[in-house]
Each structure stands twice: as structure tokens, then as C-alpha cells.
Amino acid sequence: MKINKEVLLGRYFDEAIENTKKIVAMPSYRRDLTKGSKLPQDTLNVLNYCIDLCKSWGLKTFVSEELKYGYADYGDGDKLFVIICHLDVVPPGNISEWINPPFEPKIIDDKLYGRGAFDDKGPTMMNLFAFKYLIDNGFKSNYKIRFIFGTCEETNWECMENYIANEKLCDLGYVPDGHFPVVYAEKWIADLDLIGDFKCNFEIIGGQAYNAVNDLVSYIGPKIDLIQNELEKINVKSYVENEILYVKGISAHGSLPFKGVSASNSLLFVLNKLNFDHPLIKFVANDIYADYEMKNIFGNLEDETGVLTACNGIIDINKKSFKYTLNLRIPCTRDVQKDVVEKLSSYLIEKNIKTNTVKLEDRVYFPKDSEVVTKMMSIYQEVTGDYKTEPIAIGGGTFAKSMPNIIAFGAEFDLNDSTMHSYNEYVKIEDLKKMIEIYAKSIVLLTYNQ
């Protein structure tokens, strides 16, 4: 099927942008992370919006009774091709850090700003309107094509757990929630809680998600002036309000902790210099503050898919107990239990820190010469003219891990310029245009065999 680029990038793209703005304006992040908790109304609003949009195009739609997921079907092929999108976002964090309110989407300097504009609402709409163009122009597929809308990708994934327990698994599909040209491998991901009981004379609280570098923590306790002086020496900002010290870092995606500045780790490093006594302080200062690979514990685990990285998202130290989370991205060829979890647990138990595995996500691995990878590469190259970039491996965990035969395809073009999970999240308009063309052509190539 020949794609009329002028038409696709005209009315269909304009409608995709306007619909992206509408759903970005809905603050669909989870407040209660407990499994089984009620879906926030804003998240439900986004789900209903996307379902109603697909229904208006004539697609057959479904929303689960638990309101955890929905989907829209086109065609009646024996095989199922899915495109999995997620409609939830990470929390906005400190609103004052945004140049424009996070849920008031706005185009500034040819960039669409807003929480979720890139992760994953913009790519979701580019896929939907790429598909709308196809069905408006008589596209027929050998597959039944299904758009799946998840609601808790950024937290506990129970939407896809519910889907898998009740629905048909796919024969092929992709998620537009990774990187271009195509993600052939995704690392293992382990979310761990480091917990324990320890009496101390201070309190530290900060962070909202396992998979984002915490950028603001509060401290109540002694020696605030000394702590601020030491923080200044390592170029970390802080301020005091109502006798509470606030330490400011820089947020970043959990798979790229080195792109941020952890407020919690910076504070614990300084407290160690000031001889504060606490097992977490010693652990962070000695084993993670200056080395996101934690080589002191694990050694070098690097393989073709990259290195191990560690991110602290949440910290909660009170005068009796503590909790410190780790989001670990582990190279694909490693044994997660033996090489990481067991080794870390043995190391920390001697320091009076217990380890609890909260979540373990499987790896994804497609050979670079597989049919799906080569087809996706061919469309990426045709649209972008980039014949140099190779398929990549990432530390990020996408819904490609939720069931077999799924691969992450886009939507980020420049990994070094990532704004996902960061303040002032934005997506370039020119990148959105490339997306809608890539996805329109790829759906045809992947689902129609003459």
C-alpha cells in the first residue's frame, strides 16, 4: 500500500497533535501504588477517551470490568497483531521546576511540552492516527490488529497481568515506548526494597517511583548548616523551610541514573562525611554514590546489552526504621538471582539491611537478523535516511516484556537527549512527524503479506 505522505502529515498529523494535547491535559498518574487499588479518575478518563475515539472509527472496543485495560480491534484475521500503548504517566514532581505547567500542553519552539507528551501519549496518538489513515484508505491486513491500552505501566503492571490472564496472546506486535531504530534487547529489571530497623535522630523522606531518580528529599535533624556546606562542595543545591532541609537533585529515568543527580544519595554521602551512624548511609557512600554499576558488590557484569545500573527512587528513614528502593537494570545474559539478588542480599545482611524483591521483569531478546527487526529497520531507514544506526539494547523496561513476540519500536530518536520522566518533558514536532510516517508504513509491512 502506497502512503500519501502529504495527506498523512497534513490533516491526520494535525488531528494527532490536537488529540495528544487533550490526553496530556489529563494527569493520569497513580497516587496509590497498591495492587488492586481503584483506578484514578484521570486515568479512567484517558482510557475512555481513547476507547471512544477508536469506537468512533468503527473499531470493536472492550474495557475490562476492573477498568485496568482496554483494547480496540480491527479486522478478523486468525493471527493477532498488537500495538500496546500505556496511558499512565509518572508524577510531575515539583511543579515549580516546569517552564510550563505539566498538564497544560503547549508547543514551544517546535516542541510539545507536557507530562506524557513523549512517554507515552504522543507516540500513542501517532500510532492511532497512522492507523486511521490506513483504514480510511482501504487498508486490509492478514492479521486482526489490536490496540491495547494499559493504565499502570509506570507502576505495577497489573493492567497487563489482567490482560494476559483473560485475553488472547499475540502472534506479533510492538510497543511505541522505547527507542528507534528498534530495540532488539531489554535488560532484566529488579525492583528491590532495602529495609531494616535502626534507631537514629533524623528523618529523610523523598521520591515517588522506583524507576525515576529522586530529585527532592526532606531532612529533619541536627547539623543542618554543616550539611548544607558539604552539599555545596559537591554542587548540590538545598534550602531550608520551617527547620526542614530540602535537598534538590536532578530527575532522570531509572534506566539512565547517571543523567540525573540523586538527592537522596547526595545527602547520604554528605552525612557519611559528617560521621552520621546509619547502615544506609555507609552502604550508599561506599557502594553506590560514585558507581551506578555497584562494581564493589557485583564486579563487572557488562555484556553486549550493556552494564548494570542502579537507581534509588524512594527513601524513607524515620527514627526507628528505614526503606530505600533500588531499581536495577541487569544485562540480558546474566543470572539475576545468582549474580545480583543473592549476592546483594548476602552482602547487605552483614550490614543489618534486609533485601525484599518487589518486582522482577523478564528480559527481551530478538536476534538482530530476525525478520521483525530487519523489517522495522528497513522502514526506519526509508523514512529517516539513517543507514548508520544499529538496533539497540536498552535498560528501560517496556510492555514488550508483558508477553511473547513483542518488541519495542520507537519512539525516542536520541537517547542522549531523553526527556522521559524528567522535568519539562517534551517531544519534538519533527520527531512526531517521523513517527507517524514510520508507524503507518510499518503496520502495512508487518501485517500484510501479498
Protein backbone atom coordinates (compact mmCIF):
# COMPACT_ATOMS: atom_id res chain seq x y z
CA MET A 1 0.00 0.00 0.00
CA LYS A 2 1.44 3.35 -1.01
CA ILE A 3 1.36 6.05 1.65
CA ASN A 4 0.49 9.61 0.57
CA LYS A 5 2.93 11.46 2.80
CA GLU A 6 1.41 14.85 2.15
CA VAL A 7 -2.03 13.71 3.31
CA LEU A 8 -0.66 11.74 6.27
CA LEU A 9 1.40 14.69 7.52
CA GLY A 10 -1.45 17.10 6.88
CA ARG A 11 -4.88 16.52 8.40
CA TYR A 12 -4.04 13.23 10.14
CA PHE A 13 -0.95 14.60 11.83
CA ASP A 14 -2.74 17.80 12.88
CA GLU A 15 -5.54 15.73 14.43
CA ALA A 16 -3.00 13.52 16.18
CA ILE A 17 -1.37 16.59 17.75
CA GLU A 18 -4.67 18.01 18.97
CA ASN A 19 -5.71 14.68 20.46
CA THR A 20 -2.31 14.31 22.11
CA LYS A 21 -2.82 17.67 23.81
CA LYS A 22 -6.23 16.58 25.07
CA ILE A 23 -4.96 13.45 26.81
CA VAL A 24 -1.74 15.07 28.09
CA ALA A 25 -4.04 17.52 29.90
CA MET A 26 -5.36 14.60 31.97
CA PRO A 27 -2.95 13.94 34.90
CA SER A 28 -3.10 10.16 34.72
CA TYR A 29 -0.55 9.14 37.37
CA ARG A 30 -1.15 6.70 40.20
CA ARG A 31 -1.31 8.01 43.76
CA ASP A 32 -1.96 4.65 45.39
CA LEU A 33 0.57 2.07 44.17
CA THR A 34 -1.13 -0.84 45.93
CA LYS A 35 -2.22 -3.61 43.58
CA GLY A 36 -5.97 -3.75 43.29
CA SER A 37 -6.38 -0.08 44.18
CA LYS A 38 -9.01 1.89 42.33
CA LEU A 39 -8.02 3.45 39.03
CA PRO A 40 -7.63 7.25 39.38
CA GLN A 41 -10.39 9.16 37.64
CA ASP A 42 -7.96 10.99 35.34
CA THR A 43 -6.52 7.68 34.17
CA LEU A 44 -10.01 6.34 33.58
CA ASN A 45 -10.79 9.50 31.61
CA VAL A 46 -7.82 8.92 29.29
CA LEU A 47 -8.75 5.27 28.81
CA ASN A 48 -12.35 6.17 27.97
CA TYR A 49 -11.18 8.91 25.61
CA CYS A 50 -9.01 6.53 23.58
CA ILE A 51 -11.66 3.81 23.57
CA ASP A 52 -14.34 6.25 22.41
CA LEU A 53 -12.04 7.58 19.70
CA CYS A 54 -11.45 4.08 18.32
CA LYS A 55 -15.16 3.26 18.58
CA SER A 56 -15.97 6.36 16.51
CA TRP A 57 -13.76 4.93 13.75
CA GLY A 58 -15.70 1.68 13.68
CA LEU A 59 -13.29 -0.45 15.70
CA LYS A 60 -14.65 -3.04 18.11
CA THR A 61 -13.76 -2.00 21.65
CA PHE A 62 -13.60 -3.55 25.10
CA VAL A 63 -12.84 -2.31 28.63
CA SER A 64 -12.20 -4.78 31.44
CA GLU A 65 -14.58 -4.86 34.38
CA GLU A 66 -11.68 -3.94 36.67
CA LEU A 67 -11.00 -0.93 34.40
CA LYS A 68 -7.33 -1.89 34.26
CA TYR A 69 -7.06 -2.12 30.48
CA GLY A 70 -8.99 -1.69 27.26
CA TYR A 71 -8.48 -2.56 23.62
CA ALA A 72 -9.76 -1.83 20.13
CA ASP A 73 -9.85 -4.41 17.30
CA TYR A 74 -9.80 -4.11 13.51
CA GLY A 75 -10.16 -6.98 11.06
CA ASP A 76 -10.80 -10.65 11.59
CA GLY A 77 -7.57 -12.48 10.77
CA ASP A 78 -6.69 -15.71 12.53
CA LYS A 79 -3.46 -14.22 13.85
CA LEU A 80 -3.32 -11.31 16.29
CA PHE A 81 -1.04 -8.28 15.84
CA VAL A 82 -0.98 -5.91 18.80
CA ILE A 83 0.26 -2.39 19.45
CA ILE A 84 0.49 -1.86 23.21
CA CYS A 85 0.32 1.71 24.48
CA HIS A 86 0.23 2.95 28.06
CA LEU A 87 -1.87 5.88 29.16
CA ASP A 88 -0.44 6.46 32.63
CA VAL A 89 2.45 8.80 33.35
CA VAL A 90 4.99 9.33 36.11
CA PRO A 91 4.17 12.05 38.66
CA PRO A 92 5.14 15.62 37.68
CA GLY A 93 7.29 16.18 40.76
CA ASN A 94 7.98 19.75 41.84
CA ILE A 95 5.68 21.86 39.64
CA SER A 96 7.89 24.93 40.04
CA GLU A 97 10.62 23.17 38.03
CA TRP A 98 8.47 23.20 34.87
CA ILE A 99 8.74 26.04 32.36
CA ASN A 100 5.10 25.37 31.50
CA PRO A 101 2.53 23.58 33.72
CA PRO A 102 2.96 19.81 33.10
CA PHE A 103 -0.72 19.19 32.37
CA GLU A 104 -1.27 22.25 30.21
CA PRO A 105 0.37 21.00 26.99
CA LYS A 106 1.92 23.69 24.86
CA ILE A 107 4.10 23.86 21.75
CA ILE A 108 7.18 25.99 22.40
CA ASP A 109 9.97 26.28 19.81
CA ASP A 110 8.55 23.34 17.82
CA LYS A 111 8.47 21.10 20.89
CA LEU A 112 5.33 19.79 22.57
CA TYR A 113 5.75 20.13 26.33
CA GLY A 114 3.78 18.19 28.93
CA ARG A 115 3.98 15.18 31.20
CA GLY A 116 3.38 12.19 28.95
CA ALA A 117 3.93 14.06 25.69
CA PHE A 118 6.75 11.61 24.93
CA ASP A 119 6.01 8.82 27.40
CA ASP A 120 3.68 7.52 26.04
CA LYS A 121 0.75 9.69 24.95
CA GLY A 122 2.36 11.35 21.93
CA PRO A 123 3.53 8.03 20.41
CA THR A 124 0.12 6.51 21.23
CA MET A 125 -1.68 9.13 19.17
CA MET A 126 0.82 8.91 16.32
CA ASN A 127 0.07 5.19 16.10
CA LEU A 128 -3.68 5.67 16.30
CA PHE A 129 -3.80 8.32 13.58
CA ALA A 130 -1.31 6.44 11.40
CA PHE A 131 -3.78 3.56 11.59
CA LYS A 132 -6.74 5.88 10.99
CA TYR A 133 -5.07 6.98 7.76
CA LEU A 134 -4.67 3.34 6.71
CA ILE A 135 -8.26 2.28 7.35
CA ASP A 136 -9.58 5.43 5.70
CA ASN A 137 -7.65 4.43 2.59
CA GLY A 138 -8.87 0.85 2.36
CA PHE A 139 -6.10 -0.99 4.20
CA LYS A 140 -6.63 -4.71 4.71
CA SER A 141 -4.50 -6.89 6.97
CA ASN A 142 -3.76 -10.59 7.22
CA TYR A 143 -3.95 -10.13 11.00
CA LYS A 144 -6.56 -8.97 13.41
CA ILE A 145 -4.99 -5.74 14.65
CA ARG A 146 -5.49 -4.79 18.27
CA PHE A 147 -4.55 -1.60 20.12
CA ILE A 148 -4.13 -2.40 23.82
CA PHE A 149 -4.30 0.47 26.29
CA GLY A 150 -2.56 -0.10 29.62
CA THR A 151 -3.08 2.04 32.71
CA CYS A 152 -0.23 1.23 35.09
CA GLU A 153 2.95 0.71 33.08
CA GLU A 154 4.83 3.21 35.24
CA THR A 155 3.92 1.38 38.46
CA ASN A 156 2.84 -2.22 38.97
CA TRP A 157 1.84 -3.54 35.50
CA GLU A 158 -1.33 -5.13 36.85
CA CYS A 159 -3.15 -3.93 33.72
CA MET A 160 -1.14 -6.33 31.57
CA GLU A 161 -1.29 -9.04 34.21
CA ASN A 162 -5.07 -8.80 33.99
CA TYR A 163 -4.96 -8.76 30.20
CA ILE A 164 -2.78 -11.88 30.00
CA ALA A 165 -5.00 -13.72 32.47
CA ASN A 166 -8.12 -13.07 30.41
CA GLU A 167 -7.24 -12.42 26.76
CA LYS A 168 -5.55 -13.96 23.75
CA LEU A 169 -1.81 -13.52 23.49
CA CYS A 170 -0.43 -12.04 20.31
CA ASP A 171 1.42 -13.59 17.40
CA LEU A 172 3.38 -10.40 16.77
CA GLY A 173 3.40 -6.81 17.91
CA TYR A 174 5.27 -3.80 19.23
CA VAL A 175 5.22 -1.09 21.86
CA PRO A 176 6.00 2.52 20.86
CA ASP A 177 7.66 3.16 24.21
CA GLY A 178 11.36 2.57 23.64
CA HIS A 179 13.81 3.86 21.06
CA PHE A 180 14.44 3.94 17.35
CA PRO A 181 15.53 2.33 15.15
CA VAL A 182 14.37 -0.78 17.06
CA VAL A 183 15.12 -2.27 20.49
CA TYR A 184 16.37 -5.81 19.97
CA ALA A 185 17.09 -6.37 23.68
CA GLU A 186 15.80 -5.11 27.03
CA LYS A 187 17.63 -5.82 30.25
CA TRP A 188 16.25 -7.61 33.24
CA ILE A 189 14.77 -5.19 35.79
CA ALA A 190 14.66 -5.82 39.52
CA ASP A 191 12.84 -3.54 41.99
CA LEU A 192 14.16 -4.13 45.48
CA ASP A 193 13.36 -2.70 48.90
CA LEU A 194 16.26 -2.36 51.31
CA ILE A 195 14.69 -2.30 54.76
CA GLY A 196 15.61 -2.56 58.39
CA ASP A 197 15.22 -1.31 61.94
CA PHE A 198 17.69 1.23 63.27
CA LYS A 199 17.37 3.99 65.84
CA CYS A 200 18.62 7.41 64.77
CA ASN A 201 17.99 11.11 65.48
CA PHE A 202 16.98 12.24 61.98
CA GLU A 203 14.36 11.65 59.30
CA ILE A 204 14.67 11.62 55.49
CA ILE A 205 11.76 11.30 53.06
CA GLY A 206 11.69 11.59 49.27
CA GLY A 207 10.85 10.05 45.90
CA GLN A 208 7.62 8.79 44.35
CA ALA A 209 8.55 5.96 41.98
CA TYR A 210 11.07 3.13 41.80
CA ASN A 211 12.06 3.94 38.22
CA ALA A 212 12.93 7.63 38.47
CA VAL A 213 15.92 9.30 40.12
CA ASN A 214 14.55 11.21 43.10
CA ASP A 215 15.17 14.92 42.78
CA LEU A 216 13.91 16.23 46.13
CA VAL A 217 14.26 14.86 49.66
CA SER A 218 13.50 16.41 53.02
CA TYR A 219 15.69 16.13 56.10
CA ILE A 220 14.74 16.78 59.72
CA GLY A 221 17.56 16.51 62.20
CA PRO A 222 20.77 18.03 63.55
CA LYS A 223 23.67 19.84 61.82
CA ILE A 224 21.64 21.40 59.01
CA ASP A 225 24.19 24.19 58.49
CA LEU A 226 27.08 21.74 58.23
CA ILE A 227 25.12 19.53 55.84
CA GLN A 228 24.35 22.48 53.56
CA ASN A 229 28.01 23.45 53.49
CA GLU A 230 29.04 19.95 52.45
CA LEU A 231 26.29 19.74 49.82
CA GLU A 232 27.53 22.99 48.32
CA LYS A 233 31.01 21.47 47.98
CA ILE A 234 29.60 18.75 45.70
CA ASN A 235 27.44 21.25 43.76
CA VAL A 236 24.10 20.03 45.12
CA LYS A 237 21.50 22.70 45.90
CA SER A 238 19.49 22.86 49.11
CA TYR A 239 17.23 25.20 51.06
CA VAL A 240 15.59 25.38 54.48
CA GLU A 241 11.91 25.99 55.26
CA ASN A 242 10.37 25.68 58.73
CA GLU A 243 13.51 23.99 60.04
CA ILE A 244 13.31 21.32 57.32
CA LEU A 245 16.23 20.93 54.93
CA TYR A 246 15.30 20.20 51.32
CA VAL A 247 17.94 18.73 49.04
CA LYS A 248 17.48 19.20 45.29
CA GLY A 249 18.82 16.79 42.70
CA ILE A 250 18.01 16.29 39.02
CA SER A 251 15.39 13.76 37.94
CA ALA A 252 16.15 11.13 35.29
CA HIS A 253 14.73 7.86 34.01
CA GLY A 254 15.59 4.85 36.14
CA SER A 255 17.49 3.25 33.27
CA LEU A 256 19.74 6.32 32.96
CA PRO A 257 20.57 7.29 36.56
CA PHE A 258 23.87 8.83 35.52
CA LYS A 259 21.91 11.51 33.65
CA GLY A 260 20.41 12.76 36.90
CA VAL A 261 21.57 13.74 40.35
CA SER A 262 20.11 11.71 43.18
CA ALA A 263 19.09 13.99 46.04
CA SER A 264 18.97 11.05 48.45
CA ASN A 265 22.37 9.63 47.55
CA SER A 266 23.96 13.08 47.70
CA LEU A 267 22.53 13.68 51.16
CA LEU A 268 23.59 10.26 52.48
CA PHE A 269 27.09 10.76 51.07
CA VAL A 270 27.38 14.05 52.96
CA LEU A 271 26.01 12.54 56.17
CA ASN A 272 28.70 9.88 55.95
CA LYS A 273 31.37 12.58 55.70
CA LEU A 274 29.90 14.13 58.84
CA ASN A 275 30.14 10.76 60.63
CA PHE A 276 26.41 10.08 60.97
CA ASP A 277 25.81 6.50 62.07
CA HIS A 278 23.32 4.53 59.95
CA PRO A 279 23.64 1.36 57.83
CA LEU A 280 22.09 3.00 54.76
CA ILE A 281 24.50 5.92 54.97
CA LYS A 282 27.53 3.66 54.91
CA PHE A 283 26.13 1.48 52.13
CA VAL A 284 25.29 4.38 49.83
CA ALA A 285 28.51 6.28 50.47
CA ASN A 286 30.73 3.25 49.89
CA ASP A 287 28.88 1.21 47.27
CA ILE A 288 26.62 3.31 45.06
CA TYR A 289 27.21 7.07 45.32
CA ALA A 290 30.16 7.18 42.93
CA ASP A 291 29.42 4.00 40.98
CA TYR A 292 25.99 3.31 39.44
CA GLU A 293 27.28 -0.14 38.38
CA MET A 294 27.94 -1.10 42.04
CA LYS A 295 31.09 -2.95 40.99
CA ASN A 296 32.25 -3.16 44.59
CA ILE A 297 29.46 -5.70 45.13
CA PHE A 298 28.78 -7.23 41.72
CA GLY A 299 32.03 -6.85 39.83
CA ASN A 300 31.78 -6.13 36.10
CA LEU A 301 28.55 -7.59 34.68
CA GLU A 302 28.75 -5.88 31.29
CA ASP A 303 27.76 -7.82 28.15
CA GLU A 304 26.66 -6.85 24.61
CA THR A 305 23.45 -5.36 26.05
CA GLY A 306 25.30 -3.00 28.41
CA VAL A 307 26.21 -2.64 32.07
CA LEU A 308 24.26 -2.97 35.29
CA THR A 309 22.83 0.33 36.55
CA ALA A 310 21.26 1.16 39.90
CA CYS A 311 18.71 3.88 40.66
CA ASN A 312 17.27 4.90 44.02
CA GLY A 313 13.75 6.23 43.62
CA ILE A 314 12.22 6.24 47.11
CA ILE A 315 13.75 6.79 50.54
CA ASP A 316 12.02 6.82 53.93
CA ILE A 317 14.17 6.94 57.05
CA ASN A 318 12.49 7.56 60.39
CA LYS A 319 13.83 7.35 63.89
CA LYS A 320 13.08 3.61 64.18
CA SER A 321 13.25 2.04 60.71
CA PHE A 322 14.14 2.68 57.09
CA LYS A 323 13.29 1.84 53.49
CA TYR A 324 15.44 2.53 50.44
CA THR A 325 14.47 1.31 46.97
CA LEU A 326 16.73 0.09 44.18
CA ASN A 327 15.74 -0.15 40.53
CA LEU A 328 18.38 -2.36 38.90
CA ARG A 329 18.81 -2.80 35.13
CA ILE A 330 20.71 -6.04 34.59
CA PRO A 331 22.45 -7.20 31.35
CA CYS A 332 20.48 -9.83 29.42
CA THR A 333 22.96 -12.72 29.68
CA ARG A 334 23.33 -12.58 33.46
CA ASP A 335 21.67 -14.79 36.06
CA VAL A 336 19.57 -12.30 38.00
CA GLN A 337 19.19 -14.38 41.15
CA LYS A 338 22.73 -15.70 41.39
CA ASP A 339 24.69 -12.74 40.02
CA VAL A 340 22.64 -9.95 41.60
CA VAL A 341 19.86 -10.64 44.11
CA GLU A 342 21.61 -13.33 46.13
CA LYS A 343 24.95 -11.54 46.05
CA LEU A 344 23.41 -8.24 47.18
CA SER A 345 21.36 -9.91 49.92
CA SER A 346 24.41 -11.71 51.31
CA TYR A 347 26.44 -8.50 51.24
CA LEU A 348 23.79 -6.37 52.96
CA ILE A 349 22.64 -8.80 55.64
CA GLU A 350 26.02 -8.36 57.31
CA LYS A 351 25.29 -4.62 57.42
CA ASN A 352 21.88 -5.14 59.09
CA ILE A 353 19.98 -4.38 55.89
CA LYS A 354 17.35 -6.80 54.60
CA THR A 355 16.51 -7.18 50.92
CA ASN A 356 13.00 -7.71 49.60
CA THR A 357 12.36 -8.35 45.89
CA VAL A 358 9.28 -6.31 44.95
CA LYS A 359 9.23 -6.99 41.20
CA LEU A 360 11.34 -8.84 38.66
CA GLU A 361 10.81 -8.14 34.98
CA ASP A 362 11.97 -10.62 32.37
CA ARG A 363 14.41 -9.67 29.62
CA VAL A 364 13.54 -9.28 25.93
CA TYR A 365 15.88 -10.55 23.24
CA PHE A 366 15.38 -10.69 19.43
CA PRO A 367 18.31 -11.63 17.16
CA LYS A 368 19.41 -8.63 15.12
CA ASP A 369 18.88 -10.59 11.89
CA SER A 370 15.34 -11.71 12.77
CA GLU A 371 12.57 -10.89 10.29
CA VAL A 372 10.77 -8.41 12.53
CA VAL A 373 13.97 -6.49 13.31
CA THR A 374 15.06 -6.29 9.67
CA LYS A 375 11.61 -5.12 8.52
CA MET A 376 11.47 -2.41 11.17
CA MET A 377 14.99 -1.32 10.30
CA SER A 378 14.06 -1.02 6.63
CA ILE A 379 11.15 1.35 7.35
CA TYR A 380 13.19 3.42 9.81
CA GLN A 381 15.94 3.80 7.21
CA GLU A 382 13.47 4.66 4.44
CA VAL A 383 11.84 7.45 6.47
CA THR A 384 14.91 8.92 8.19
CA GLY A 385 17.67 8.25 5.66
CA ASP A 386 19.76 6.98 8.58
CA TYR A 387 21.60 3.83 7.50
CA LYS A 388 24.27 4.00 10.20
CA THR A 389 22.35 3.49 13.44
CA GLU A 390 22.15 -0.15 14.54
CA PRO A 391 19.43 -1.92 16.55
CA ILE A 392 19.96 -1.15 20.21
CA ALA A 393 19.72 -2.72 23.65
CA ILE A 394 18.22 -0.68 26.49
CA GLY A 395 17.93 -0.73 30.24
CA GLY A 396 14.37 0.53 30.11
CA GLY A 397 11.59 -1.97 30.65
CA THR A 398 8.66 -1.67 28.26
CA PHE A 399 5.44 -3.61 27.84
CA ALA A 400 7.39 -5.74 25.35
CA LYS A 401 8.12 -7.80 28.45
CA SER A 402 4.46 -8.42 29.13
CA MET A 403 4.01 -11.27 26.63
CA PRO A 404 5.98 -13.16 23.96
CA ASN A 405 6.51 -11.86 20.42
CA ILE A 406 6.50 -8.15 21.38
CA ILE A 407 9.32 -5.76 20.55
CA ALA A 408 9.91 -2.09 21.42
CA PHE A 409 9.83 0.06 18.28
CA GLY A 410 10.48 3.74 18.91
CA ALA A 411 9.52 6.29 19.89
CA GLU A 412 12.68 8.08 21.02
CA PHE A 413 15.20 9.07 18.37
CA ASP A 414 18.02 10.47 20.51
CA LEU A 415 18.82 8.52 23.65
CA ASN A 416 21.28 11.21 24.74
CA ASP A 417 18.56 13.87 24.66
CA SER A 418 15.91 11.95 26.59
CA THR A 419 13.25 13.93 28.46
CA MET A 420 11.17 10.94 29.60
CA HIS A 421 10.49 11.05 33.35
CA SER A 422 12.25 14.41 33.55
CA TYR A 423 11.03 17.90 34.29
CA ASN A 424 9.92 19.77 31.18
CA GLU A 425 9.23 16.56 29.28
CA TYR A 426 8.84 17.36 25.61
CA VAL A 427 8.81 15.76 22.19
CA LYS A 428 9.97 17.49 19.03
CA ILE A 429 7.26 18.12 16.43
CA GLU A 430 9.59 16.91 13.68
CA ASP A 431 10.08 13.65 15.60
CA LEU A 432 6.33 13.16 15.88
CA LYS A 433 6.06 13.59 12.11
CA LYS A 434 8.69 10.93 11.55
CA MET A 435 6.87 8.65 13.99
CA ILE A 436 3.50 8.80 12.27
CA GLU A 437 5.11 8.00 8.91
CA ILE A 438 7.25 5.18 10.30
CA TYR A 439 4.31 3.58 12.08
CA ALA A 440 1.94 3.86 9.11
CA LYS A 441 4.42 2.16 6.79
CA SER A 442 5.45 -0.42 9.38
CA ILE A 443 1.92 -1.58 10.15
CA VAL A 444 1.47 -2.30 6.44
CA LEU A 445 4.79 -4.12 6.10
CA LEU A 446 4.38 -6.17 9.27
CA THR A 447 0.74 -7.22 8.90
CA TYR A 448 0.05 -7.60 5.18
CA ASN A 449 1.63 -10.33 3.09
CA GLN A 450 0.66 -10.47 -0.59
